[in-house]
């Protein structure tokens, strides 16, 4: 099977980063958000997309209007 050295390198970095935070996704997220703040770069946050409200019978979904 063909192996991509760049992909393997990224996976190794990701694994080490996760290990550093004991695979705690909340700790990983917090650390990444802190690094984002320290970077000084502008970031964009979008409003979450609303979930469609599912209705019964002949009523259409909000997304079908």
PDB file of N, CA and C in Angstrom:
ATOM      1  N   UNK A   1       0.842  -1.184   0.000  1.00  0.00           N
ATOM      2  CA  UNK A   1       0.000   0.000   0.000  1.00  0.00           C
ATOM      3  C   UNK A   1       0.884   1.243   0.000  1.00  0.00           C
ATOM      4  N   UNK A   2       0.498   2.234  -0.780  1.00  0.00           N
ATOM      5  CA  UNK A   2       1.255   3.476  -0.899  1.00  0.00           C
ATOM      6  C   UNK A   2       1.061   4.325   0.351  1.00  0.00           C
ATOM      7  N   UNK A   3       2.137   4.912   0.855  1.00  0.00           N
ATOM      8  CA  UNK A   3       2.072   5.728   2.065  1.00  0.00           C
ATOM      9  C   UNK A   3       2.573   7.125   1.751  1.00  0.00           C
ATOM     10  N   UNK A   4       1.867   8.100   2.242  1.00  0.00           N
ATOM     11  CA  UNK A   4       2.220   9.499   2.039  1.00  0.00           C
ATOM     12  C   UNK A   4       2.976   9.981   3.277  1.00  0.00           C
ATOM     13  N   UNK A   5       4.210  10.385   3.093  1.00  0.00           N
ATOM     14  CA  UNK A   5       5.040  10.796   4.229  1.00  0.00           C
ATOM     15  C   UNK A   5       4.499  12.047   4.912  1.00  0.00           C
ATOM     16  N   UNK A   6       3.884  12.945   4.157  1.00  0.00           N
ATOM     17  CA  UNK A   6       3.318  14.157   4.750  1.00  0.00           C
ATOM     18  C   UNK A   6       2.140  13.795   5.655  1.00  0.00           C
ATOM     19  N   UNK A   7       1.285  12.918   5.181  1.00  0.00           N
ATOM     20  CA  UNK A   7       0.137  12.482   5.979  1.00  0.00           C
ATOM     21  C   UNK A   7       0.618  11.771   7.241  1.00  0.00           C
ATOM     22  N   UNK A   8       1.612  10.922   7.117  1.00  0.00           N
ATOM     23  CA  UNK A   8       2.159  10.229   8.287  1.00  0.00           C
ATOM     24  C   UNK A   8       2.744  11.215   9.294  1.00  0.00           C
ATOM     25  N   UNK A   9       3.419  12.239   8.803  1.00  0.00           N
ATOM     26  CA  UNK A   9       3.998  13.248   9.693  1.00  0.00           C
ATOM     27  C   UNK A   9       2.900  14.001  10.443  1.00  0.00           C
ATOM     28  N   UNK A  10       1.863  14.402   9.738  1.00  0.00           N
ATOM     29  CA  UNK A  10       0.743  15.114  10.368  1.00  0.00           C
ATOM     30  C   UNK A  10       0.066  14.225  11.410  1.00  0.00           C
ATOM     31  N   UNK A  11      -0.134  12.965  11.086  1.00  0.00           N
ATOM     32  CA  UNK A  11      -0.763  12.041  12.041  1.00  0.00           C
ATOM     33  C   UNK A  11       0.098  11.856  13.284  1.00  0.00           C
ATOM     34  N   UNK A  12       1.403  11.805  13.116  1.00  0.00           N
ATOM     35  CA  UNK A  12       2.310  11.667  14.259  1.00  0.00           C
ATOM     36  C   UNK A  12       2.241  12.910  15.147  1.00  0.00           C
ATOM     37  N   UNK A  13       2.190  14.081  14.528  1.00  0.00           N
ATOM     38  CA  UNK A  13       2.085  15.331  15.291  1.00  0.00           C
ATOM     39  C   UNK A  13       0.760  15.365  16.043  1.00  0.00           C
ATOM     40  N   UNK A  14      -0.307  14.985  15.360  1.00  0.00           N
ATOM     41  CA  UNK A  14      -1.634  14.970  15.983  1.00  0.00           C
ATOM     42  C   UNK A  14      -1.663  13.997  17.160  1.00  0.00           C
ATOM     43  N   UNK A  15      -1.069  12.840  16.983  1.00  0.00           N
ATOM     44  CA  UNK A  15      -1.020  11.836  18.048  1.00  0.00           C
ATOM     45  C   UNK A  15      -0.247  12.357  19.256  1.00  0.00           C
ATOM     46  N   UNK A  16       0.891  12.971  19.025  1.00  0.00           N
ATOM     47  CA  UNK A  16       1.698  13.519  20.121  1.00  0.00           C
ATOM     48  C   UNK A  16       0.942  14.629  20.847  1.00  0.00           C
ATOM     49  N   UNK A  17       0.267  15.472  20.093  1.00  0.00           N
ATOM     50  CA  UNK A  17      -0.513  16.559  20.697  1.00  0.00           C
ATOM     51  C   UNK A  17      -1.632  15.982  21.564  1.00  0.00           C
ATOM     52  N   UNK A  18      -2.334  14.982  21.070  1.00  0.00           N
ATOM     53  CA  UNK A  18      -3.407  14.352  21.837  1.00  0.00           C
ATOM     54  C   UNK A  18      -2.854  13.677  23.091  1.00  0.00           C
ATOM     55  N   UNK A  19      -1.726  13.011  22.965  1.00  0.00           N
ATOM     56  CA  UNK A  19      -1.098  12.343  24.106  1.00  0.00           C
ATOM     57  C   UNK A  19      -0.720  13.367  25.177  1.00  0.00           C
ATOM     58  N   UNK A  20      -0.249  14.523  24.741  1.00  0.00           N
ATOM     59  CA  UNK A  20       0.157  15.588  25.665  1.00  0.00           C
ATOM     60  C   UNK A  20      -1.009  16.008  26.567  1.00  0.00           C
ATOM     61  N   UNK A  21      -2.221  15.938  26.045  1.00  0.00           N
ATOM     62  CA  UNK A  21      -3.410  16.318  26.806  1.00  0.00           C
ATOM     63  C   UNK A  21      -4.218  15.102  27.252  1.00  0.00           C
ATOM     64  N   UNK A  22      -3.571  13.949  27.292  1.00  0.00           N
ATOM     65  CA  UNK A  22      -4.176  12.696  27.753  1.00  0.00           C
ATOM     66  C   UNK A  22      -5.468  12.377  26.996  1.00  0.00           C
ATOM     67  N   UNK A  23      -5.494  12.720  25.718  1.00  0.00           N
ATOM     68  CA  UNK A  23      -6.612  12.427  24.816  1.00  0.00           C
ATOM     69  C   UNK A  23      -7.929  13.043  25.284  1.00  0.00           C
ATOM     70  N   UNK A  24      -7.837  14.084  26.117  1.00  0.00           N
ATOM     71  CA  UNK A  24      -9.027  14.787  26.609  1.00  0.00           C
ATOM     72  C   UNK A  24      -9.406  15.848  25.577  1.00  0.00           C
ATOM     73  N   UNK A  25     -10.484  15.611  24.852  1.00  0.00           N
ATOM     74  CA  UNK A  25     -10.868  16.490  23.753  1.00  0.00           C
ATOM     75  C   UNK A  25     -11.139  17.913  24.233  1.00  0.00           C
ATOM     76  N   UNK A  26     -11.661  18.063  25.433  1.00  0.00           N
ATOM     77  CA  UNK A  26     -11.919  19.413  25.958  1.00  0.00           C
ATOM     78  C   UNK A  26     -10.616  20.149  26.246  1.00  0.00           C
ATOM     79  N   UNK A  27      -9.636  19.450  26.784  1.00  0.00           N
ATOM     80  CA  UNK A  27      -8.332  20.061  27.047  1.00  0.00           C
ATOM     81  C   UNK A  27      -7.637  20.417  25.737  1.00  0.00           C
ATOM     82  N   UNK A  28      -7.752  19.546  24.747  1.00  0.00           N
ATOM     83  CA  UNK A  28      -7.157  19.812  23.435  1.00  0.00           C
ATOM     84  C   UNK A  28      -7.802  21.051  22.829  1.00  0.00           C
ATOM     85  N   UNK A  29      -9.124  21.125  22.876  1.00  0.00           N
ATOM     86  CA  UNK A  29      -9.846  22.266  22.325  1.00  0.00           C
ATOM     87  C   UNK A  29      -9.448  23.554  23.037  1.00  0.00           C
ATOM     88  N   UNK A  30      -9.386  23.521  24.369  1.00  0.00           N
ATOM     89  CA  UNK A  30      -9.005  24.708  25.138  1.00  0.00           C
ATOM     90  C   UNK A  30      -7.605  25.178  24.776  1.00  0.00           C
ATOM     91  N   UNK A  31      -6.685  24.243  24.636  1.00  0.00           N
ATOM     92  CA  UNK A  31      -5.308  24.594  24.273  1.00  0.00           C
ATOM     93  C   UNK A  31      -5.253  25.216  22.880  1.00  0.00           C
ATOM     94  N   UNK A  32      -6.012  24.665  21.944  1.00  0.00           N
ATOM     95  CA  UNK A  32      -6.031  25.221  20.589  1.00  0.00           C
ATOM     96  C   UNK A  32      -6.652  26.613  20.569  1.00  0.00           C
ATOM     97  N   UNK A  33      -7.714  26.827  21.346  1.00  0.00           N
ATOM     98  CA  UNK A  33      -8.327  28.154  21.410  1.00  0.00           C
ATOM     99  C   UNK A  33      -7.360  29.159  22.031  1.00  0.00           C
ATOM    100  N   UNK A  34      -6.596  28.734  23.029  1.00  0.00           N
ATOM    101  CA  UNK A  34      -5.607  29.619  23.657  1.00  0.00           C
ATOM    102  C   UNK A  34      -4.517  29.994  22.653  1.00  0.00           C
ATOM    103  N   UNK A  35      -4.039  29.027  21.893  1.00  0.00           N
ATOM    104  CA  UNK A  35      -3.037  29.302  20.854  1.00  0.00           C
ATOM    105  C   UNK A  35      -3.598  30.249  19.797  1.00  0.00           C
ATOM    106  N   UNK A  36      -4.860  30.076  19.482  1.00  0.00           N
ATOM    107  CA  UNK A  36      -5.518  30.946  18.515  1.00  0.00           C
ATOM    108  C   UNK A  36      -5.512  32.389  19.017  1.00  0.00           C
ATOM    109  N   UNK A  37      -5.816  32.593  20.300  1.00  0.00           N
ATOM    110  CA  UNK A  37      -5.796  33.938  20.887  1.00  0.00           C
ATOM    111  C   UNK A  37      -4.398  34.534  20.861  1.00  0.00           C
ATOM    112  N   UNK A  38      -3.399  33.730  21.205  1.00  0.00           N
ATOM    113  CA  UNK A  38      -2.014  34.203  21.257  1.00  0.00           C
ATOM    114  C   UNK A  38      -1.464  34.564  19.884  1.00  0.00           C
ATOM    115  N   UNK A  39      -2.009  33.966  18.840  1.00  0.00           N
ATOM    116  CA  UNK A  39      -1.460  34.172  17.500  1.00  0.00           C
ATOM    117  C   UNK A  39      -1.647  35.598  17.007  1.00  0.00           C
ATOM    118  N   UNK A  40      -2.666  36.275  17.505  1.00  0.00           N
ATOM    119  CA  UNK A  40      -2.923  37.637  17.062  1.00  0.00           C
ATOM    120  C   UNK A  40      -3.610  37.725  15.709  1.00  0.00           C
ATOM    121  N   UNK A  41      -3.891  36.603  15.103  1.00  0.00           N
ATOM    122  CA  UNK A  41      -4.575  36.602  13.808  1.00  0.00           C
ATOM    123  C   UNK A  41      -6.072  36.801  14.009  1.00  0.00           C
ATOM    124  N   UNK A  42      -6.691  37.414  13.030  1.00  0.00           N
ATOM    125  CA  UNK A  42      -8.134  37.579  13.076  1.00  0.00           C
ATOM    126  C   UNK A  42      -8.791  36.243  12.759  1.00  0.00           C
ATOM    127  N   UNK A  43      -9.834  35.936  13.495  1.00  0.00           N
ATOM    128  CA  UNK A  43     -10.585  34.712  13.232  1.00  0.00           C
ATOM    129  C   UNK A  43     -12.040  35.074  12.965  1.00  0.00           C
ATOM    130  N   UNK A  44     -12.712  34.232  12.261  1.00  0.00           N
ATOM    131  CA  UNK A  44     -14.111  34.444  11.920  1.00  0.00           C
ATOM    132  C   UNK A  44     -14.934  33.337  12.549  1.00  0.00           C
ATOM    133  N   UNK A  45     -16.009  33.715  13.190  1.00  0.00           N
ATOM    134  CA  UNK A  45     -16.927  32.734  13.766  1.00  0.00           C
ATOM    135  C   UNK A  45     -18.284  32.920  13.114  1.00  0.00           C
ATOM    136  N   UNK A  46     -18.844  31.851  12.649  1.00  0.00           N
ATOM    137  CA  UNK A  46     -20.152  31.890  12.023  1.00  0.00           C
ATOM    138  C   UNK A  46     -21.197  31.378  13.001  1.00  0.00           C
ATOM    139  N   UNK A  47     -22.423  31.859  12.845  1.00  0.00           N
ATOM    140  CA  UNK A  47     -23.522  31.350  13.647  1.00  0.00           C
ATOM    141  C   UNK A  47     -23.757  29.894  13.267  1.00  0.00           C
ATOM    142  N   UNK A  48     -24.054  29.044  14.236  1.00  0.00           N
ATOM    143  CA  UNK A  48     -24.340  27.649  13.882  1.00  0.00           C
ATOM    144  C   UNK A  48     -25.599  27.574  13.027  1.00  0.00           C
ATOM    145  N   UNK A  49     -25.605  26.633  12.115  1.00  0.00           N
ATOM    146  CA  UNK A  49     -26.780  26.442  11.272  1.00  0.00           C
ATOM    147  C   UNK A  49     -27.875  25.784  12.101  1.00  0.00           C
ATOM    148  N   UNK A  50     -29.095  26.272  11.974  1.00  0.00           N
ATOM    149  CA  UNK A  50     -30.180  25.668  12.762  1.00  0.00           C
ATOM    150  C   UNK A  50     -30.536  24.287  12.226  1.00  0.00           C
ATOM    151  N   UNK A  51     -30.907  23.428  13.131  1.00  0.00           N
ATOM    152  CA  UNK A  51     -31.377  22.109  12.735  1.00  0.00           C
ATOM    153  C   UNK A  51     -32.782  22.263  12.171  1.00  0.00           C
ATOM    154  N   UNK A  52     -33.120  21.479  11.173  1.00  0.00           N
ATOM    155  CA  UNK A  52     -34.497  21.562  10.661  1.00  0.00           C
ATOM    156  C   UNK A  52     -35.459  21.024  11.711  1.00  0.00           C
ATOM    157  N   UNK A  53     -36.621  21.643  11.799  1.00  0.00           N
ATOM    158  CA  UNK A  53     -37.620  21.121  12.739  1.00  0.00           C
ATOM    159  C   UNK A  53     -38.460  20.093  11.993  1.00  0.00           C
ATOM    160  N   UNK A  54     -38.481  18.901  12.492  1.00  0.00           N
ATOM    161  CA  UNK A  54     -39.203  17.816  11.851  1.00  0.00           C
ATOM    162  C   UNK A  54     -40.654  17.833  12.315  1.00  0.00           C
ATOM    163  N   UNK A  55     -41.537  17.802  11.342  1.00  0.00           N
ATOM    164  CA  UNK A  55     -42.958  17.859  11.652  1.00  0.00           C
ATOM    165  C   UNK A  55     -43.636  16.608  11.119  1.00  0.00           C
ATOM    166  N   UNK A  56     -44.804  16.343  11.639  1.00  0.00           N
ATOM    167  CA  UNK A  56     -45.532  15.147  11.221  1.00  0.00           C
ATOM    168  C   UNK A  56     -46.548  15.487  10.139  1.00  0.00           C
ATOM    169  N   UNK A  57     -47.055  14.481   9.501  1.00  0.00           N
ATOM    170  CA  UNK A  57     -48.123  14.657   8.530  1.00  0.00           C
ATOM    171  C   UNK A  57     -47.671  15.336   7.256  1.00  0.00           C
ATOM    172  N   UNK A  58     -48.547  16.182   6.720  1.00  0.00           N
ATOM    173  CA  UNK A  58     -48.314  16.834   5.440  1.00  0.00           C
ATOM    174  C   UNK A  58     -47.438  18.083   5.555  1.00  0.00           C
ATOM    175  N   UNK A  59     -47.118  18.502   6.772  1.00  0.00           N
ATOM    176  CA  UNK A  59     -46.329  19.722   6.952  1.00  0.00           C
ATOM    177  C   UNK A  59     -44.931  19.529   6.393  1.00  0.00           C
ATOM    178  N   UNK A  60     -44.409  20.574   5.797  1.00  0.00           N
ATOM    179  CA  UNK A  60     -43.073  20.510   5.211  1.00  0.00           C
ATOM    180  C   UNK A  60     -42.028  20.873   6.260  1.00  0.00           C
ATOM    181  N   UNK A  61     -40.810  20.427   6.016  1.00  0.00           N
ATOM    182  CA  UNK A  61     -39.696  20.823   6.867  1.00  0.00           C
ATOM    183  C   UNK A  61     -39.392  22.289   6.625  1.00  0.00           C
ATOM    184  N   UNK A  62     -38.827  22.956   7.614  1.00  0.00           N
ATOM    185  CA  UNK A  62     -38.444  24.359   7.464  1.00  0.00           C
ATOM    186  C   UNK A  62     -37.518  24.559   6.274  1.00  0.00           C
ATOM    187  N   UNK A  63     -36.690  23.571   5.995  1.00  0.00           N
ATOM    188  CA  UNK A  63     -35.718  23.702   4.910  1.00  0.00           C
ATOM    189  C   UNK A  63     -36.367  23.586   3.541  1.00  0.00           C
ATOM    190  N   UNK A  64     -37.607  23.123   3.477  1.00  0.00           N
ATOM    191  CA  UNK A  64     -38.295  22.934   2.201  1.00  0.00           C
ATOM    192  C   UNK A  64     -39.151  24.132   1.815  1.00  0.00           C
ATOM    193  N   UNK A  65     -39.246  25.139   2.669  1.00  0.00           N
ATOM    194  CA  UNK A  65     -40.113  26.294   2.389  1.00  0.00           C
ATOM    195  C   UNK A  65     -39.559  27.164   1.305  1.00  0.00           C
TER     196      UNK A  65
END
